[in-house]
């Protein structure tokens, strides 16, 4: 697959061949993408939720009143779950929400996410992602020329500091290094912008996986 390379100023900078095995998959597996997104979001969950059991509530454990002769229902301690302020019958405990997903499925999901963007004409390749000054207005102007308002930008090994400072004030614009490329961030933004270095890094990433 051949795609034109553009500059941040919406100019032309030649073209580049993209690997069809990574960017040209015809039938996108939405089920694989869904599994990968669930996998990523599950890993982000803190799992620190906790409610108190009956034995942990700071209330007296003594019997409220005598068993018989009161004309009331029989009750035990005030920390029972049926009372307001009592413990939870099946209290929630801290837990790890993450689950396993094989490397092959994760790699497949990334290829399908990249192919989905390329197939929908929502993938743009630029020569480099750098600014001469950390000015948000300048970056917004450049993105407007490219027709971008909701975008994930993947740079090379490092993110240009001026670009990072300018982009952090713009809603719906994310900037990540090539090592931070992931399925969830690709799908949550309308457009994906890759630099030449990012494309090379993606190719090397999948070559390493195939050799492993």
N, C-alpha and C. Protein backbone atom coordinates (compact mmCIF):
# COMPACT_ATOMS: atom_id res chain seq x y z
N UNK A 1 0.85 -1.19 0.00
CA UNK A 1 0.00 0.00 0.00
C UNK A 1 0.89 1.24 0.00
N UNK A 2 0.63 2.14 -0.95
CA UNK A 2 1.41 3.38 -1.03
C UNK A 2 0.55 4.52 -0.54
N UNK A 3 1.15 5.39 0.28
CA UNK A 3 0.44 6.53 0.83
C UNK A 3 1.33 7.75 0.74
N UNK A 4 0.72 8.89 0.49
CA UNK A 4 1.47 10.14 0.38
C UNK A 4 1.93 10.60 1.76
N UNK A 5 3.12 11.18 1.79
CA UNK A 5 3.65 11.76 3.02
C UNK A 5 3.42 13.26 2.98
N UNK A 6 2.93 13.80 4.07
CA UNK A 6 2.65 15.22 4.15
C UNK A 6 3.49 15.86 5.24
N UNK A 7 3.53 17.16 5.24
CA UNK A 7 4.23 17.90 6.29
C UNK A 7 3.19 18.47 7.24
N UNK A 8 3.65 18.98 8.37
CA UNK A 8 2.73 19.59 9.33
C UNK A 8 2.06 20.83 8.75
N UNK A 9 2.67 21.41 7.73
CA UNK A 9 2.08 22.58 7.08
C UNK A 9 1.21 22.19 5.89
N UNK A 10 0.83 20.90 5.82
CA UNK A 10 -0.05 20.37 4.77
C UNK A 10 0.62 20.36 3.41
N UNK A 11 1.95 20.34 3.38
CA UNK A 11 2.66 20.23 2.13
C UNK A 11 2.90 18.78 1.76
N UNK A 12 3.55 18.55 0.63
CA UNK A 12 3.84 17.21 0.17
C UNK A 12 5.32 16.88 0.42
N UNK A 13 5.58 15.64 0.84
CA UNK A 13 6.95 15.22 1.12
C UNK A 13 7.23 13.83 0.57
N UNK A 14 6.62 13.52 -0.58
CA UNK A 14 6.86 12.23 -1.22
C UNK A 14 5.81 11.21 -0.85
N UNK A 15 6.20 9.95 -0.89
CA UNK A 15 5.29 8.86 -0.57
C UNK A 15 6.05 7.74 0.14
N UNK A 16 5.30 6.80 0.70
CA UNK A 16 5.90 5.70 1.44
C UNK A 16 5.05 4.45 1.22
N UNK A 17 5.73 3.30 1.19
CA UNK A 17 5.03 2.01 1.06
C UNK A 17 4.76 1.44 2.45
N UNK A 18 3.51 1.12 2.70
CA UNK A 18 3.12 0.52 3.98
C UNK A 18 2.91 -0.97 3.79
N UNK A 19 3.33 -1.74 4.75
CA UNK A 19 3.21 -3.19 4.70
C UNK A 19 1.73 -3.59 4.76
N UNK A 20 1.29 -4.33 3.76
CA UNK A 20 -0.11 -4.75 3.72
C UNK A 20 -0.46 -5.70 4.87
N UNK A 21 0.52 -6.41 5.39
CA UNK A 21 0.26 -7.32 6.50
C UNK A 21 -0.03 -6.56 7.79
N UNK A 22 0.34 -5.28 7.82
CA UNK A 22 0.12 -4.46 9.01
C UNK A 22 -0.97 -3.42 8.77
N UNK A 23 -0.94 -2.79 7.60
CA UNK A 23 -1.85 -1.68 7.31
C UNK A 23 -2.91 -2.01 6.26
N UNK A 24 -2.90 -3.21 5.70
CA UNK A 24 -3.80 -3.51 4.60
C UNK A 24 -4.67 -4.73 4.79
N UNK A 25 -5.01 -5.05 6.02
CA UNK A 25 -5.89 -6.19 6.27
C UNK A 25 -7.30 -5.84 5.81
N UNK A 26 -7.90 -6.61 4.90
CA UNK A 26 -9.21 -6.23 4.33
C UNK A 26 -10.39 -6.41 5.29
N UNK A 27 -10.40 -7.50 6.04
CA UNK A 27 -11.52 -7.80 6.93
C UNK A 27 -11.09 -7.56 8.37
N UNK A 28 -11.63 -6.51 8.97
CA UNK A 28 -11.26 -6.12 10.32
C UNK A 28 -12.03 -6.97 11.34
N UNK A 29 -11.29 -7.58 12.25
CA UNK A 29 -11.89 -8.40 13.30
C UNK A 29 -12.29 -7.51 14.48
N UNK A 30 -13.55 -7.09 14.50
CA UNK A 30 -14.00 -6.22 15.59
C UNK A 30 -14.00 -6.94 16.93
N UNK A 31 -14.18 -8.26 16.90
CA UNK A 31 -14.16 -9.00 18.15
C UNK A 31 -12.77 -8.98 18.78
N UNK A 32 -11.73 -9.03 17.94
CA UNK A 32 -10.37 -8.97 18.46
C UNK A 32 -10.08 -7.59 19.03
N UNK A 33 -10.56 -6.55 18.35
CA UNK A 33 -10.37 -5.18 18.85
C UNK A 33 -11.08 -5.01 20.19
N UNK A 34 -12.29 -5.56 20.31
CA UNK A 34 -13.04 -5.44 21.56
C UNK A 34 -12.33 -6.17 22.69
N UNK A 35 -11.78 -7.33 22.40
CA UNK A 35 -11.04 -8.07 23.44
C UNK A 35 -9.83 -7.29 23.91
N UNK A 36 -9.14 -6.64 22.97
CA UNK A 36 -7.95 -5.89 23.33
C UNK A 36 -8.29 -4.65 24.14
N UNK A 37 -9.35 -3.95 23.77
CA UNK A 37 -9.77 -2.77 24.52
C UNK A 37 -10.18 -3.16 25.94
N UNK A 38 -10.94 -4.25 26.08
CA UNK A 38 -11.32 -4.72 27.41
C UNK A 38 -10.09 -5.11 28.23
N UNK A 39 -9.12 -5.71 27.57
CA UNK A 39 -7.86 -6.10 28.23
C UNK A 39 -7.13 -4.87 28.76
N UNK A 40 -7.03 -3.82 27.94
CA UNK A 40 -6.32 -2.62 28.36
C UNK A 40 -7.06 -1.89 29.48
N UNK A 41 -8.37 -1.76 29.35
CA UNK A 41 -9.13 -1.04 30.37
C UNK A 41 -9.17 -1.81 31.68
N UNK A 42 -9.19 -3.13 31.61
CA UNK A 42 -9.19 -3.93 32.84
C UNK A 42 -7.88 -3.75 33.60
N UNK A 43 -6.77 -3.63 32.86
CA UNK A 43 -5.48 -3.43 33.52
C UNK A 43 -5.38 -2.07 34.20
N UNK A 44 -6.14 -1.10 33.72
CA UNK A 44 -6.10 0.23 34.30
C UNK A 44 -6.90 0.34 35.60
N UNK A 45 -7.79 -0.59 35.84
CA UNK A 45 -8.64 -0.51 37.03
C UNK A 45 -7.81 -0.73 38.29
N UNK A 46 -8.01 0.14 39.27
CA UNK A 46 -7.23 0.06 40.50
C UNK A 46 -7.62 -1.16 41.33
N UNK A 47 -8.89 -1.49 41.35
CA UNK A 47 -9.34 -2.64 42.13
C UNK A 47 -9.25 -2.44 43.62
N UNK A 48 -9.29 -1.17 44.07
CA UNK A 48 -9.15 -0.88 45.50
C UNK A 48 -10.49 -0.73 46.20
N UNK A 49 -11.60 -1.09 45.52
CA UNK A 49 -12.92 -0.96 46.13
C UNK A 49 -13.04 -1.91 47.32
N UNK A 50 -13.68 -1.42 48.38
CA UNK A 50 -13.78 -2.22 49.61
C UNK A 50 -14.99 -1.75 50.40
N UNK A 51 -15.80 -2.69 50.88
CA UNK A 51 -16.87 -2.40 51.83
C UNK A 51 -16.66 -3.26 53.06
N UNK A 52 -17.24 -2.82 54.15
CA UNK A 52 -17.01 -3.50 55.43
C UNK A 52 -17.95 -4.68 55.62
N UNK A 53 -17.40 -5.74 56.10
CA UNK A 53 -18.22 -6.90 56.45
C UNK A 53 -18.84 -6.69 57.83
N UNK A 54 -19.64 -7.63 58.23
CA UNK A 54 -20.31 -7.51 59.53
C UNK A 54 -19.30 -7.43 60.67
N UNK A 55 -18.21 -8.16 60.55
CA UNK A 55 -17.22 -8.16 61.62
C UNK A 55 -16.34 -6.94 61.66
N UNK A 56 -16.38 -6.10 60.59
CA UNK A 56 -15.51 -4.93 60.52
C UNK A 56 -16.22 -3.63 60.88
N UNK A 57 -17.54 -3.66 61.01
CA UNK A 57 -18.29 -2.45 61.32
C UNK A 57 -18.07 -2.06 62.77
N UNK A 58 -17.90 -0.76 63.01
CA UNK A 58 -17.67 -0.26 64.37
C UNK A 58 -19.02 -0.05 65.08
N UNK A 59 -19.68 -1.14 65.37
CA UNK A 59 -20.93 -1.11 66.14
C UNK A 59 -20.86 -2.22 67.17
N UNK A 60 -21.67 -2.10 68.19
CA UNK A 60 -21.66 -3.13 69.23
C UNK A 60 -22.11 -4.48 68.69
N UNK A 61 -21.49 -5.50 69.20
CA UNK A 61 -21.86 -6.86 68.80
C UNK A 61 -22.81 -7.50 69.81
N UNK A 62 -23.23 -6.70 70.79
CA UNK A 62 -24.13 -7.24 71.81
C UNK A 62 -25.55 -7.34 71.28
N UNK A 63 -26.32 -8.23 71.87
CA UNK A 63 -27.71 -8.40 71.46
C UNK A 63 -28.50 -7.14 71.81
N UNK A 64 -29.33 -6.70 70.87
CA UNK A 64 -30.04 -5.44 71.03
C UNK A 64 -30.97 -5.45 72.24
N UNK A 65 -31.74 -6.49 72.38
CA UNK A 65 -32.67 -6.63 73.50
C UNK A 65 -32.94 -8.11 73.70
N UNK A 66 -33.62 -8.44 74.75
CA UNK A 66 -33.80 -9.85 75.08
C UNK A 66 -34.62 -10.55 74.00
N UNK A 67 -34.46 -11.86 73.95
CA UNK A 67 -35.04 -12.65 72.88
C UNK A 67 -36.56 -12.64 72.92
N UNK A 68 -37.14 -12.75 74.09
CA UNK A 68 -38.59 -12.93 74.20
C UNK A 68 -39.21 -11.86 75.08
N UNK A 69 -40.50 -11.68 74.93
CA UNK A 69 -41.27 -10.83 75.82
C UNK A 69 -41.39 -9.39 75.39
N UNK A 70 -40.76 -9.01 74.30
CA UNK A 70 -40.83 -7.60 73.88
C UNK A 70 -41.92 -7.35 72.84
N UNK A 71 -42.39 -8.40 72.20
CA UNK A 71 -43.37 -8.23 71.14
C UNK A 71 -42.75 -7.81 69.81
N UNK A 72 -41.43 -7.71 69.80
CA UNK A 72 -40.73 -7.31 68.57
C UNK A 72 -40.08 -8.54 67.93
N UNK A 73 -39.61 -8.35 66.74
CA UNK A 73 -38.89 -9.43 66.05
C UNK A 73 -37.61 -9.74 66.79
N UNK A 74 -37.16 -10.99 66.64
CA UNK A 74 -35.94 -11.41 67.31
C UNK A 74 -34.73 -10.89 66.53
N UNK A 75 -33.83 -10.18 67.21
CA UNK A 75 -32.63 -9.65 66.57
C UNK A 75 -31.41 -9.93 67.42
N UNK A 76 -30.29 -9.96 66.73
CA UNK A 76 -29.03 -10.14 67.44
C UNK A 76 -28.30 -8.82 67.55
N UNK A 77 -27.05 -8.77 67.00
CA UNK A 77 -26.24 -7.58 67.13
C UNK A 77 -26.67 -6.51 66.13
N UNK A 78 -26.31 -5.25 66.41
CA UNK A 78 -26.68 -4.12 65.56
C UNK A 78 -25.83 -4.04 64.30
N UNK A 79 -24.79 -4.88 64.22
CA UNK A 79 -23.96 -4.85 63.02
C UNK A 79 -24.46 -5.78 61.93
N UNK A 80 -25.66 -6.33 62.10
CA UNK A 80 -26.23 -7.22 61.11
C UNK A 80 -26.54 -6.44 59.82
N UNK A 81 -26.48 -7.08 58.67
CA UNK A 81 -26.70 -6.39 57.40
C UNK A 81 -28.09 -5.78 57.24
N UNK A 82 -29.08 -6.26 57.98
CA UNK A 82 -30.43 -5.73 57.81
C UNK A 82 -30.61 -4.37 58.47
N UNK A 83 -29.67 -3.94 59.28
CA UNK A 83 -29.78 -2.65 59.96
C UNK A 83 -29.00 -1.58 59.22
N UNK A 84 -29.51 -0.36 59.28
CA UNK A 84 -28.78 0.77 58.73
C UNK A 84 -27.49 0.98 59.52
N UNK A 85 -26.39 1.06 58.83
CA UNK A 85 -25.10 1.18 59.49
C UNK A 85 -24.45 -0.16 59.77
N UNK A 86 -25.17 -1.25 59.42
CA UNK A 86 -24.58 -2.57 59.62
C UNK A 86 -23.63 -2.93 58.48
N UNK A 87 -23.01 -4.09 58.62
CA UNK A 87 -22.06 -4.53 57.60
C UNK A 87 -22.76 -5.05 56.35
N UNK A 88 -21.99 -5.21 55.29
CA UNK A 88 -22.51 -5.76 54.04
C UNK A 88 -22.54 -7.29 54.13
N UNK A 89 -23.61 -7.87 53.64
CA UNK A 89 -23.74 -9.32 53.70
C UNK A 89 -22.66 -10.00 52.85
N UNK A 90 -22.44 -9.50 51.66
CA UNK A 90 -21.39 -10.03 50.78
C UNK A 90 -20.51 -8.85 50.38
N UNK A 91 -19.62 -8.49 51.27
CA UNK A 91 -18.85 -7.26 51.08
C UNK A 91 -17.87 -7.38 49.92
N UNK A 92 -17.60 -6.23 49.30
CA UNK A 92 -16.68 -6.15 48.18
C UNK A 92 -15.25 -6.08 48.71
N UNK A 93 -14.38 -6.86 48.12
CA UNK A 93 -12.99 -6.91 48.56
C UNK A 93 -12.08 -6.42 47.44
N UNK A 94 -10.89 -5.89 47.77
CA UNK A 94 -9.93 -5.50 46.72
C UNK A 94 -9.58 -6.69 45.84
N UNK A 95 -9.45 -6.43 44.54
CA UNK A 95 -9.15 -7.52 43.62
C UNK A 95 -8.42 -6.97 42.40
N UNK A 96 -7.78 -7.86 41.70
CA UNK A 96 -7.08 -7.52 40.47
C UNK A 96 -8.01 -7.83 39.29
N UNK A 97 -8.39 -6.80 38.54
CA UNK A 97 -9.33 -6.98 37.43
C UNK A 97 -8.65 -7.42 36.14
N UNK A 98 -7.33 -7.38 36.09
CA UNK A 98 -6.63 -7.71 34.85
C UNK A 98 -6.79 -9.19 34.52
N UNK A 99 -6.72 -9.48 33.22
CA UNK A 99 -6.79 -10.86 32.77
C UNK A 99 -5.76 -11.04 31.66
N UNK A 100 -5.48 -12.25 31.33
CA UNK A 100 -4.43 -12.54 30.35
C UNK A 100 -4.97 -12.50 28.93
N UNK A 101 -4.10 -12.16 28.01
CA UNK A 101 -4.40 -12.17 26.59
C UNK A 101 -3.09 -12.51 25.88
N UNK A 102 -3.11 -13.48 25.02
CA UNK A 102 -1.88 -13.97 24.43
C UNK A 102 -1.21 -12.90 23.56
N UNK A 103 0.10 -13.02 23.39
CA UNK A 103 0.85 -12.05 22.59
C UNK A 103 0.38 -12.03 21.14
N UNK A 104 0.01 -13.19 20.62
CA UNK A 104 -0.45 -13.25 19.23
C UNK A 104 -1.74 -12.47 19.05
N UNK A 105 -2.65 -12.56 20.01
CA UNK A 105 -3.92 -11.84 19.91
C UNK A 105 -3.67 -10.34 20.05
N UNK A 106 -2.76 -9.95 20.95
CA UNK A 106 -2.46 -8.53 21.11
C UNK A 106 -1.82 -7.94 19.86
N UNK A 107 -0.91 -8.70 19.25
CA UNK A 107 -0.28 -8.24 18.01
C UNK A 107 -1.31 -8.16 16.89
N UNK A 108 -2.20 -9.15 16.83
CA UNK A 108 -3.25 -9.15 15.81
C UNK A 108 -4.16 -7.94 15.98
N UNK A 109 -4.50 -7.62 17.22
CA UNK A 109 -5.38 -6.48 17.48
C UNK A 109 -4.74 -5.18 17.01
N UNK A 110 -3.44 -5.02 17.23
CA UNK A 110 -2.76 -3.80 16.80
C UNK A 110 -2.73 -3.69 15.28
N UNK A 111 -2.48 -4.81 14.60
CA UNK A 111 -2.50 -4.80 13.14
C UNK A 111 -3.88 -4.43 12.60
N UNK A 112 -4.92 -4.99 13.22
CA UNK A 112 -6.27 -4.71 12.75
C UNK A 112 -6.67 -3.26 13.04
N UNK A 113 -6.21 -2.71 14.15
CA UNK A 113 -6.50 -1.31 14.46
C UNK A 113 -5.83 -0.39 13.45
N UNK A 114 -4.58 -0.67 13.11
CA UNK A 114 -3.88 0.14 12.12
C UNK A 114 -4.52 0.00 10.74
N UNK A 115 -4.91 -1.22 10.40
CA UNK A 115 -5.56 -1.45 9.10
C UNK A 115 -6.93 -0.78 9.03
N UNK A 116 -7.62 -0.73 10.17
CA UNK A 116 -8.93 -0.08 10.19
C UNK A 116 -8.79 1.41 9.89
N UNK A 117 -7.78 2.05 10.46
CA UNK A 117 -7.55 3.47 10.20
C UNK A 117 -7.13 3.69 8.75
N UNK A 118 -6.26 2.83 8.25
CA UNK A 118 -5.82 2.97 6.85
C UNK A 118 -6.98 2.72 5.89
N UNK A 119 -7.79 1.72 6.16
CA UNK A 119 -8.91 1.40 5.28
C UNK A 119 -9.99 2.47 5.26
N UNK A 120 -10.12 3.20 6.38
CA UNK A 120 -11.12 4.26 6.47
C UNK A 120 -10.57 5.61 6.03
N UNK A 121 -9.35 5.63 5.49
CA UNK A 121 -8.68 6.87 5.07
C UNK A 121 -8.52 7.84 6.23
N UNK A 122 -8.30 7.29 7.42
CA UNK A 122 -8.10 8.10 8.61
C UNK A 122 -6.66 8.00 9.12
N UNK A 123 -5.77 7.54 8.25
CA UNK A 123 -4.34 7.44 8.57
C UNK A 123 -3.58 8.46 7.73
N UNK A 124 -2.75 9.26 8.40
CA UNK A 124 -1.92 10.26 7.74
C UNK A 124 -0.47 10.03 8.15
N UNK A 125 0.42 10.06 7.18
CA UNK A 125 1.85 9.94 7.45
C UNK A 125 2.51 11.29 7.17
N UNK A 126 3.27 11.79 8.13
CA UNK A 126 3.98 13.06 7.96
C UNK A 126 5.47 12.81 8.06
N UNK A 127 6.24 13.74 7.54
CA UNK A 127 7.69 13.53 7.54
C UNK A 127 8.28 13.62 8.94
N UNK A 128 7.84 14.60 9.73
CA UNK A 128 8.30 14.72 11.11
C UNK A 128 7.30 15.52 11.92
N UNK A 129 7.33 15.31 13.22
CA UNK A 129 6.41 16.01 14.12
C UNK A 129 7.24 16.82 15.11
N UNK A 130 7.47 18.06 14.77
CA UNK A 130 8.28 18.94 15.61
C UNK A 130 7.85 20.38 15.38
N UNK A 131 7.97 21.18 16.44
CA UNK A 131 7.66 22.60 16.36
C UNK A 131 8.88 23.41 16.77
N UNK A 132 8.98 24.61 16.23
CA UNK A 132 10.10 25.48 16.59
C UNK A 132 9.88 26.16 17.93
N UNK A 133 8.63 26.24 18.36
CA UNK A 133 8.30 26.87 19.64
C UNK A 133 7.07 26.19 20.22
N UNK A 134 6.97 26.14 21.55
CA UNK A 134 5.82 25.45 22.18
C UNK A 134 4.57 26.32 22.20
N UNK A 135 4.02 26.60 21.03
CA UNK A 135 2.86 27.47 20.93
C UNK A 135 1.64 26.67 20.48
N UNK A 136 0.62 26.67 21.32
CA UNK A 136 -0.59 25.92 21.03
C UNK A 136 -1.30 26.46 19.79
N UNK A 137 -1.31 27.77 19.63
CA UNK A 137 -1.99 28.37 18.48
C UNK A 137 -1.36 27.92 17.16
N UNK A 138 -0.04 27.81 17.15
CA UNK A 138 0.64 27.36 15.93
C UNK A 138 0.25 25.93 15.58
N UNK A 139 0.22 25.06 16.60
CA UNK A 139 -0.14 23.66 16.36
C UNK A 139 -1.59 23.54 15.91
N UNK A 140 -2.50 24.31 16.51
CA UNK A 140 -3.90 24.27 16.10
C UNK A 140 -4.06 24.71 14.65
N UNK A 141 -3.27 25.69 14.25
CA UNK A 141 -3.33 26.16 12.87
C UNK A 141 -2.84 25.09 11.91
N UNK A 142 -1.77 24.40 12.27
CA UNK A 142 -1.22 23.34 11.41
C UNK A 142 -2.19 22.17 11.31
N UNK A 143 -2.81 21.79 12.45
CA UNK A 143 -3.77 20.70 12.43
C UNK A 143 -5.01 21.06 11.60
N UNK A 144 -5.41 22.32 11.66
CA UNK A 144 -6.56 22.77 10.86
C UNK A 144 -6.26 22.66 9.38
N UNK A 145 -5.04 22.96 8.97
CA UNK A 145 -4.66 22.83 7.56
C UNK A 145 -4.76 21.38 7.10
N UNK A 146 -4.44 20.45 8.02
CA UNK A 146 -4.52 19.02 7.70
C UNK A 146 -5.93 18.46 7.86
N UNK A 147 -6.83 19.30 8.37
CA UNK A 147 -8.21 18.85 8.57
C UNK A 147 -8.36 17.93 9.77
N UNK A 148 -7.58 18.17 10.81
CA UNK A 148 -7.58 17.30 11.99
C UNK A 148 -8.07 18.07 13.21
N UNK A 149 -8.98 17.46 13.95
CA UNK A 149 -9.41 18.04 15.22
C UNK A 149 -9.52 16.99 16.33
N UNK A 150 -9.47 15.73 15.94
CA UNK A 150 -9.53 14.64 16.90
C UNK A 150 -8.50 13.61 16.44
N UNK A 151 -7.32 13.64 17.05
CA UNK A 151 -6.19 12.93 16.44
C UNK A 151 -5.24 12.37 17.49
N UNK A 152 -4.65 11.24 17.15
CA UNK A 152 -3.54 10.66 17.91
C UNK A 152 -2.30 10.76 17.04
N UNK A 153 -1.26 11.41 17.56
CA UNK A 153 -0.01 11.57 16.82
C UNK A 153 1.04 10.67 17.43
N UNK A 154 1.65 9.83 16.60
CA UNK A 154 2.72 8.94 17.04
C UNK A 154 4.01 9.43 16.40
N UNK A 155 4.94 9.86 17.24
CA UNK A 155 6.21 10.37 16.75
C UNK A 155 7.23 9.23 16.71
N UNK A 156 8.50 9.57 16.74
CA UNK A 156 9.55 8.55 16.75
C UNK A 156 9.79 8.01 18.14
N UNK A 157 11.06 7.74 18.43
CA UNK A 157 11.40 7.19 19.74
C UNK A 157 11.12 8.18 20.86
N UNK A 158 11.27 9.47 20.57
CA UNK A 158 11.03 10.52 21.55
C UNK A 158 10.04 11.53 21.00
N UNK A 159 9.29 12.15 21.89
CA UNK A 159 8.34 13.20 21.51
C UNK A 159 9.04 14.55 21.59
N UNK A 160 8.88 15.34 20.54
CA UNK A 160 9.43 16.69 20.56
C UNK A 160 8.82 17.48 21.72
N UNK A 161 9.66 18.10 22.54
CA UNK A 161 9.18 18.77 23.73
C UNK A 161 8.25 19.92 23.39
N UNK A 162 8.57 20.68 22.37
CA UNK A 162 7.70 21.79 21.97
C UNK A 162 6.33 21.29 21.52
N UNK A 163 6.33 20.18 20.79
CA UNK A 163 5.07 19.60 20.33
C UNK A 163 4.25 19.10 21.52
N UNK A 164 4.90 18.46 22.47
CA UNK A 164 4.18 17.94 23.64
C UNK A 164 3.56 19.07 24.45
N UNK A 165 4.29 20.16 24.63
CA UNK A 165 3.76 21.29 25.40
C UNK A 165 2.61 21.98 24.67
N UNK A 166 2.72 22.08 23.35
CA UNK A 166 1.65 22.73 22.58
C UNK A 166 0.40 21.87 22.52
N UNK A 167 0.56 20.55 22.45
CA UNK A 167 -0.59 19.66 22.27
C UNK A 167 -1.36 19.42 23.55
N UNK A 168 -0.72 19.59 24.70
CA UNK A 168 -1.42 19.24 25.94
C UNK A 168 -2.56 20.19 26.27
N UNK A 169 -2.61 21.34 25.62
CA UNK A 169 -3.69 22.30 25.87
C UNK A 169 -4.83 22.16 24.86
N UNK A 170 -4.73 21.20 23.94
CA UNK A 170 -5.75 21.05 22.90
C UNK A 170 -6.59 19.81 23.21
N UNK A 171 -7.89 19.95 23.37
CA UNK A 171 -8.73 18.77 23.63
C UNK A 171 -8.71 17.82 22.44
N UNK A 172 -8.80 16.53 22.72
CA UNK A 172 -8.91 15.48 21.70
C UNK A 172 -7.67 15.36 20.83
N UNK A 173 -6.54 15.81 21.33
CA UNK A 173 -5.27 15.65 20.62
C UNK A 173 -4.28 14.98 21.57
N UNK A 174 -3.80 13.81 21.19
CA UNK A 174 -2.85 13.06 22.01
C UNK A 174 -1.55 12.89 21.22
N UNK A 175 -0.44 12.95 21.93
CA UNK A 175 0.87 12.75 21.32
C UNK A 175 1.61 11.69 22.12
N UNK A 176 2.06 10.62 21.44
CA UNK A 176 2.76 9.53 22.10
C UNK A 176 4.01 9.16 21.31
N UNK A 177 5.02 8.62 21.99
CA UNK A 177 6.17 8.06 21.26
C UNK A 177 5.77 6.75 20.60
N UNK A 178 6.60 6.25 19.72
CA UNK A 178 6.27 5.02 18.99
C UNK A 178 6.09 3.84 19.93
N UNK A 179 6.82 3.85 21.06
CA UNK A 179 6.70 2.75 22.01
C UNK A 179 5.35 2.75 22.71
N UNK A 180 4.64 3.89 22.72
CA UNK A 180 3.35 3.98 23.39
C UNK A 180 2.16 3.67 22.51
N UNK A 181 2.41 3.24 21.28
CA UNK A 181 1.31 2.91 20.36
C UNK A 181 0.48 1.78 20.93
N UNK A 182 -0.83 1.97 21.01
CA UNK A 182 -1.71 0.94 21.55
C UNK A 182 -3.09 1.03 20.91
N UNK A 183 -3.82 -0.06 21.00
CA UNK A 183 -5.11 -0.19 20.31
C UNK A 183 -6.14 0.79 20.86
N UNK A 184 -6.23 0.91 22.16
CA UNK A 184 -7.26 1.76 22.76
C UNK A 184 -7.12 3.21 22.31
N UNK A 185 -5.91 3.76 22.36
CA UNK A 185 -5.71 5.16 21.96
C UNK A 185 -5.91 5.35 20.46
N UNK A 186 -5.61 4.34 19.66
CA UNK A 186 -5.86 4.44 18.22
C UNK A 186 -7.35 4.56 17.95
N UNK A 187 -8.15 3.73 18.62
CA UNK A 187 -9.59 3.68 18.34
C UNK A 187 -10.36 4.85 18.95
N UNK A 188 -9.84 5.44 20.01
CA UNK A 188 -10.59 6.52 20.67
C UNK A 188 -10.43 7.86 19.96
N UNK A 189 -9.52 7.94 19.00
CA UNK A 189 -9.35 9.16 18.21
C UNK A 189 -9.75 8.90 16.76
N UNK A 190 -10.29 9.92 16.10
CA UNK A 190 -10.79 9.75 14.74
C UNK A 190 -9.65 9.52 13.75
N UNK A 191 -8.58 10.28 13.86
CA UNK A 191 -7.47 10.17 12.92
C UNK A 191 -6.20 9.71 13.64
N UNK A 192 -5.37 9.02 12.88
CA UNK A 192 -4.07 8.56 13.37
C UNK A 192 -2.99 9.18 12.50
N UNK A 193 -2.05 9.87 13.11
CA UNK A 193 -0.95 10.50 12.39
C UNK A 193 0.35 9.81 12.80
N UNK A 194 1.07 9.31 11.82
CA UNK A 194 2.35 8.64 12.05
C UNK A 194 3.46 9.41 11.34
N UNK A 195 4.61 9.49 11.98
CA UNK A 195 5.78 10.04 11.30
C UNK A 195 6.50 8.90 10.56
N UNK A 196 7.47 9.29 9.73
CA UNK A 196 8.29 8.28 9.05
C UNK A 196 8.94 7.36 10.08
N UNK A 197 9.49 7.97 11.13
CA UNK A 197 10.16 7.18 12.17
C UNK A 197 9.18 6.23 12.85
N UNK A 198 7.95 6.67 13.04
CA UNK A 198 6.94 5.82 13.67
C UNK A 198 6.62 4.62 12.79
N UNK A 199 6.51 4.84 11.48
CA UNK A 199 6.25 3.73 10.56
C UNK A 199 7.39 2.73 10.61
N UNK A 200 8.63 3.23 10.60
CA UNK A 200 9.79 2.34 10.68
C UNK A 200 9.78 1.56 12.00
N UNK A 201 9.43 2.24 13.09
CA UNK A 201 9.39 1.58 14.40
C UNK A 201 8.32 0.49 14.44
N UNK A 202 7.17 0.75 13.80
CA UNK A 202 6.09 -0.25 13.76
C UNK A 202 6.54 -1.47 12.97
N UNK A 203 7.20 -1.24 11.83
CA UNK A 203 7.70 -2.36 11.03
C UNK A 203 8.71 -3.19 11.81
N UNK A 204 9.61 -2.52 12.52
CA UNK A 204 10.60 -3.24 13.32
C UNK A 204 9.94 -3.98 14.48
N UNK A 205 8.91 -3.39 15.03
CA UNK A 205 8.19 -4.03 16.14
C UNK A 205 7.58 -5.35 15.74
N UNK A 206 6.99 -5.40 14.55
CA UNK A 206 6.36 -6.64 14.10
C UNK A 206 7.38 -7.62 13.57
N UNK A 207 8.49 -7.14 13.04
CA UNK A 207 9.55 -8.04 12.63
C UNK A 207 10.13 -8.77 13.84
N UNK A 208 10.29 -8.04 14.94
CA UNK A 208 10.81 -8.64 16.16
C UNK A 208 9.84 -9.68 16.71
N UNK A 209 8.53 -9.41 16.61
CA UNK A 209 7.53 -10.36 17.10
C UNK A 209 7.54 -11.63 16.24
N UNK A 210 7.71 -11.46 14.92
CA UNK A 210 7.72 -12.63 14.05
C UNK A 210 8.96 -13.48 14.25
N UNK A 211 10.09 -12.81 14.57
CA UNK A 211 11.33 -13.54 14.79
C UNK A 211 11.35 -14.25 16.14
N UNK A 212 10.56 -13.75 17.09
CA UNK A 212 10.56 -14.32 18.45
C UNK A 212 9.91 -15.71 18.46
